[in-house]
Amino acid sequence: MAQHSRDILGRAPSLADTLALRLRDEIVSGRLRPGERLATEQQISETYGVSRPTVREAIGRLKHDGLVVTRQGAGAFVADPGAVSVFRLDVADFTDKEEIRNIVELLMAIEASATEHAAARRSDKDLRNIQAQLDAMQAAIDRGEPGVEEDLAFHRSIIEATGNPFFRDLSDFLDRRVRTFIRTARANTARLEGLTQAVQAEHQAIFDAIARQDASGARLAAETHLKNAAGRLALYLKP
């Protein structure tokens, strides 16, 4: 099943993904201790049989996660756990329905709240932008496409309408970690099961509530959308 998921989503883990996980395991297990210097790019490249650009990309991911720090001219070092100030979200198995449920709960708490604020605060310009993304999704559907990128842009336009940069930053983080997987799987489910227009109707309900500046209605519409998305994903993950 995991192989099928990778095939239909169109992306297996990259070499940088795999290397970052290996190095992360070295750090989390304690084999590499806080303050300890990592091997050089060349040494890591030779040890794991990957290119130096791949090593740099993997180190960059660990740095972003707060697991390593780099010092000019000295290399990369394991970060002091007490100094780490970034939030990490490592999902081990996207085919595990329990993990999917936990992720959806997190997304619901964030996205439903953001949609509520967007409805209360949106400007006419914000509404026009949200409408444009909704129309772009419908155009993609009409072309027979799943419209995943248009979907992401629609939800991003709602986040922007909150006027809260922290919502935007957290949304960016979640987009990189989990949201793209869930939406891609959901979009494939909708396409395969003939549910694409049902998904679009949920987006329309969110837009209508935002247009009315109905904050509680917008929140409810966003929660309903995410609950339904979780149900479609569970359907997709059935053996």
Protein backbone atom coordinates (compact mmCIF):
# COMPACT_ATOMS: atom_id res chain seq x y z
CA MET A 1 0.00 0.00 0.00
CA ALA A 2 2.80 2.44 0.84
CA GLN A 3 4.35 1.88 -2.59
CA HIS A 4 0.99 2.52 -4.25
CA SER A 5 0.66 5.78 -2.30
CA ARG A 6 4.06 6.96 -3.49
CA ASP A 7 3.24 6.07 -7.09
CA ILE A 8 -0.07 7.88 -7.21
CA LEU A 9 1.30 10.91 -5.42
CA GLY A 10 4.14 10.99 -7.91
CA ARG A 11 7.01 11.50 -5.51
CA ALA A 12 9.17 9.07 -3.59
CA PRO A 13 11.49 10.43 -0.90
CA SER A 14 14.48 12.25 -2.40
CA LEU A 15 18.09 11.40 -1.56
CA ALA A 16 18.22 14.53 0.57
CA ASP A 17 15.09 13.38 2.46
CA THR A 18 16.64 10.00 3.12
CA LEU A 19 20.00 11.41 4.17
CA ALA A 20 18.37 13.97 6.47
CA LEU A 21 16.44 11.16 8.18
CA ARG A 22 19.63 9.13 8.64
CA LEU A 23 21.50 12.09 10.14
CA ARG A 24 18.48 13.03 12.28
CA ASP A 25 18.48 9.50 13.68
CA GLU A 26 22.17 9.88 14.59
CA ILE A 27 21.33 13.04 16.53
CA VAL A 28 18.09 11.90 18.19
CA SER A 29 19.65 8.58 19.26
CA GLY A 30 22.52 10.42 20.94
CA ARG A 31 25.21 8.97 18.71
CA LEU A 32 25.92 12.58 17.77
CA ARG A 33 25.88 14.75 20.88
CA PRO A 34 25.04 18.45 21.35
CA GLY A 35 27.97 20.59 20.31
CA GLU A 36 29.60 17.78 18.34
CA ARG A 37 30.80 18.69 14.88
CA LEU A 38 29.29 16.78 11.97
CA ALA A 39 31.58 15.21 9.42
CA THR A 40 32.54 17.39 6.47
CA GLU A 41 30.40 17.51 3.34
CA GLN A 42 33.01 15.44 1.55
CA GLN A 43 33.12 12.82 4.30
CA ILE A 44 29.32 12.52 4.46
CA SER A 45 29.20 12.35 0.67
CA GLU A 46 31.64 9.46 0.62
CA THR A 47 30.05 7.65 3.58
CA TYR A 48 26.53 7.68 2.16
CA GLY A 49 27.37 7.64 -1.54
CA VAL A 50 25.59 10.87 -2.42
CA SER A 51 26.65 14.13 -4.02
CA ARG A 52 27.82 17.13 -2.02
CA PRO A 53 24.80 19.22 -3.14
CA THR A 54 22.60 16.47 -1.69
CA VAL A 55 24.55 16.67 1.58
CA ARG A 56 24.10 20.46 1.67
CA GLU A 57 20.37 20.10 1.10
CA ALA A 58 20.06 17.52 3.89
CA ILE A 59 22.07 19.67 6.30
CA GLY A 60 19.88 22.61 5.36
CA ARG A 61 16.80 20.66 6.38
CA LEU A 62 18.33 19.72 9.72
CA LYS A 63 19.29 23.35 10.24
CA HIS A 64 15.73 24.43 9.47
CA ASP A 65 14.48 21.92 12.04
CA GLY A 66 16.83 23.37 14.63
CA LEU A 67 18.81 20.15 14.96
CA VAL A 68 22.09 21.59 13.69
CA VAL A 69 23.74 24.99 13.57
CA THR A 70 26.39 26.11 11.14
CA ARG A 71 29.38 28.29 11.95
CA GLN A 72 31.17 30.24 9.27
CA GLY A 73 34.35 28.42 8.29
CA ALA A 74 33.90 25.76 10.98
CA GLY A 75 31.14 23.51 9.63
CA ALA A 76 27.90 22.13 11.05
CA PHE A 77 27.37 21.23 14.71
CA VAL A 78 24.63 19.43 16.64
CA ALA A 79 22.46 22.10 18.27
CA ASP A 80 21.99 22.40 22.02
CA PRO A 81 18.47 21.02 22.66
CA GLY A 82 17.83 23.81 25.16
CA ALA A 83 18.48 26.40 22.48
CA VAL A 84 16.16 24.92 19.87
CA SER A 85 13.21 27.24 19.33
CA VAL A 86 11.57 25.72 16.26
CA PHE A 87 8.56 23.47 16.08
CA ARG A 88 9.15 20.08 14.50
CA LEU A 89 6.56 17.78 13.05
CA ASP A 90 7.80 14.36 11.95
CA VAL A 91 5.14 12.09 10.52
CA ALA A 92 6.36 8.54 10.30
CA ASP A 93 3.62 6.92 8.23
CA PHE A 94 1.12 8.78 6.06
CA THR A 95 -0.79 5.52 5.47
CA ASP A 96 -1.56 5.23 9.20
CA LYS A 97 -5.15 6.37 9.72
CA GLU A 98 -4.50 7.27 13.36
CA GLU A 99 -1.71 9.63 12.33
CA ILE A 100 -3.95 11.11 9.64
CA ARG A 101 -6.65 11.71 12.27
CA ASN A 102 -4.16 13.49 14.53
CA ILE A 103 -2.92 15.63 11.64
CA VAL A 104 -6.44 16.59 10.60
CA GLU A 105 -7.23 17.64 14.18
CA LEU A 106 -4.20 19.93 14.13
CA LEU A 107 -5.08 21.37 10.74
CA MET A 108 -8.66 21.89 11.82
CA ALA A 109 -7.64 23.85 14.90
CA ILE A 110 -5.45 26.14 12.81
CA GLU A 111 -7.31 26.46 9.52
CA ALA A 112 -10.81 26.77 10.99
CA SER A 113 -9.60 29.55 13.28
CA ALA A 114 -7.81 31.30 10.42
CA THR A 115 -10.93 31.08 8.24
CA GLU A 116 -13.00 32.58 11.06
CA HIS A 117 -10.59 35.51 11.38
CA ALA A 118 -10.44 35.95 7.60
CA ALA A 119 -14.23 36.29 7.44
CA ALA A 120 -14.21 38.96 10.14
CA ARG A 121 -11.24 40.93 8.81
CA ARG A 122 -11.15 40.48 5.04
CA SER A 123 -11.04 43.51 2.78
CA ASP A 124 -12.73 43.79 -0.60
CA LYS A 125 -9.34 43.15 -2.19
CA ASP A 126 -8.90 39.99 -0.09
CA LEU A 127 -12.33 38.77 -1.18
CA ARG A 128 -11.51 39.34 -4.85
CA ASN A 129 -8.31 37.34 -4.43
CA ILE A 130 -10.13 34.45 -2.73
CA GLN A 131 -12.76 34.53 -5.49
CA ALA A 132 -10.02 34.41 -8.15
CA GLN A 133 -8.52 31.28 -6.57
CA LEU A 134 -11.97 29.67 -6.31
CA ASP A 135 -12.57 30.40 -10.00
CA ALA A 136 -9.14 28.98 -10.87
CA MET A 137 -10.04 25.73 -9.11
CA GLN A 138 -13.29 25.49 -11.08
CA ALA A 139 -11.41 26.11 -14.31
CA ALA A 140 -9.01 23.27 -13.42
CA ILE A 141 -11.96 20.96 -12.73
CA ASP A 142 -13.52 21.91 -16.05
CA ARG A 143 -10.25 20.94 -17.74
CA GLY A 144 -10.41 17.54 -16.04
CA GLU A 145 -7.55 18.32 -13.66
CA PRO A 146 -7.53 17.71 -9.86
CA GLY A 147 -6.56 21.34 -9.16
CA VAL A 148 -4.22 20.66 -6.26
CA GLU A 149 -2.11 23.79 -6.77
CA GLU A 150 -5.25 25.90 -7.15
CA ASP A 151 -6.57 24.37 -3.94
CA LEU A 152 -3.40 25.33 -2.07
CA ALA A 153 -3.62 28.86 -3.48
CA PHE A 154 -7.26 29.16 -2.37
CA HIS A 155 -6.46 28.26 1.21
CA ARG A 156 -3.36 30.45 1.15
CA SER A 157 -5.48 33.44 0.07
CA ILE A 158 -7.71 32.86 3.10
CA ILE A 159 -4.68 32.75 5.38
CA GLU A 160 -3.47 36.04 3.86
CA ALA A 161 -6.87 37.61 4.57
CA THR A 162 -6.38 37.11 8.32
CA GLY A 163 -3.71 39.81 8.28
CA ASN A 164 -1.78 37.72 10.81
CA PRO A 165 1.79 36.90 9.70
CA PHE A 166 2.07 34.10 12.25
CA PHE A 167 -0.82 32.24 10.64
CA ARG A 168 1.03 32.62 7.34
CA ASP A 169 4.32 31.31 8.75
CA LEU A 170 2.67 28.32 10.44
CA SER A 171 0.67 27.57 7.30
CA ASP A 172 3.89 27.61 5.26
CA PHE A 173 5.43 25.12 7.69
CA LEU A 174 2.43 22.80 7.52
CA ASP A 175 2.31 23.05 3.73
CA ARG A 176 5.87 21.74 3.58
CA ARG A 177 5.28 18.99 6.13
CA VAL A 178 1.82 17.52 5.78
CA ARG A 179 -0.79 19.56 4.02
CA THR A 180 0.39 18.92 0.48
CA PHE A 181 0.27 15.16 1.02
CA ILE A 182 -3.24 15.26 2.43
CA ARG A 183 -4.59 17.51 -0.28
CA THR A 184 -2.90 15.58 -3.06
CA ALA A 185 -4.29 12.31 -1.76
CA ARG A 186 -7.70 13.90 -1.34
CA ALA A 187 -7.60 15.35 -4.83
CA ASN A 188 -6.74 11.95 -6.28
CA THR A 189 -9.57 10.42 -4.28
CA ALA A 190 -11.99 13.04 -5.51
CA ARG A 191 -10.92 12.53 -9.11
CA LEU A 192 -11.02 8.76 -8.95
CA GLU A 193 -14.30 8.56 -7.11
CA GLY A 194 -16.04 11.35 -9.04
CA LEU A 195 -16.17 13.64 -6.00
CA THR A 196 -14.27 16.64 -7.37
CA GLN A 197 -17.34 18.84 -7.65
CA ALA A 198 -18.39 17.92 -4.09
CA VAL A 199 -15.01 19.23 -2.89
CA GLN A 200 -15.58 22.41 -4.87
CA ALA A 201 -18.99 22.85 -3.26
CA GLU A 202 -17.27 22.82 0.14
CA HIS A 203 -14.87 25.51 -1.06
CA GLN A 204 -17.85 27.55 -2.30
CA ALA A 205 -19.49 27.30 1.13
CA ILE A 206 -16.31 28.62 2.75
CA PHE A 207 -16.15 31.49 0.27
CA ASP A 208 -19.83 32.38 0.71
CA ALA A 209 -19.43 32.64 4.49
CA ILE A 210 -16.33 34.82 4.10
CA ALA A 211 -18.17 37.02 1.59
CA ARG A 212 -21.00 37.50 4.13
CA GLN A 213 -18.40 38.19 6.82
CA ASP A 214 -20.06 35.39 8.77
CA ALA A 215 -17.17 34.40 11.04
CA SER A 216 -18.90 31.50 12.81
CA GLY A 217 -20.31 30.21 9.52
CA ALA A 218 -16.87 30.37 7.91
CA ARG A 219 -15.37 28.41 10.77
CA LEU A 220 -18.06 25.75 10.52
CA ALA A 221 -17.62 25.50 6.74
CA ALA A 222 -13.85 25.06 7.14
CA GLU A 223 -14.32 22.39 9.82
CA THR A 224 -16.83 20.53 7.64
CA HIS A 225 -14.43 20.68 4.70
CA LEU A 226 -11.56 19.21 6.71
CA LYS A 227 -13.73 16.47 8.23
CA ASN A 228 -14.92 15.50 4.77
CA ALA A 229 -11.35 15.62 3.43
CA ALA A 230 -10.30 13.22 6.19
CA GLY A 231 -13.12 10.88 5.21
CA ARG A 232 -12.07 10.98 1.57
CA LEU A 233 -8.48 10.29 2.53
CA ALA A 234 -9.53 7.30 4.64
CA LEU A 235 -11.41 6.02 1.60
CA TYR A 236 -8.33 6.47 -0.53
CA LEU A 237 -6.16 4.58 1.96
CA LYS A 238 -8.41 1.52 2.11
CA PRO A 239 -6.60 -1.64 0.94
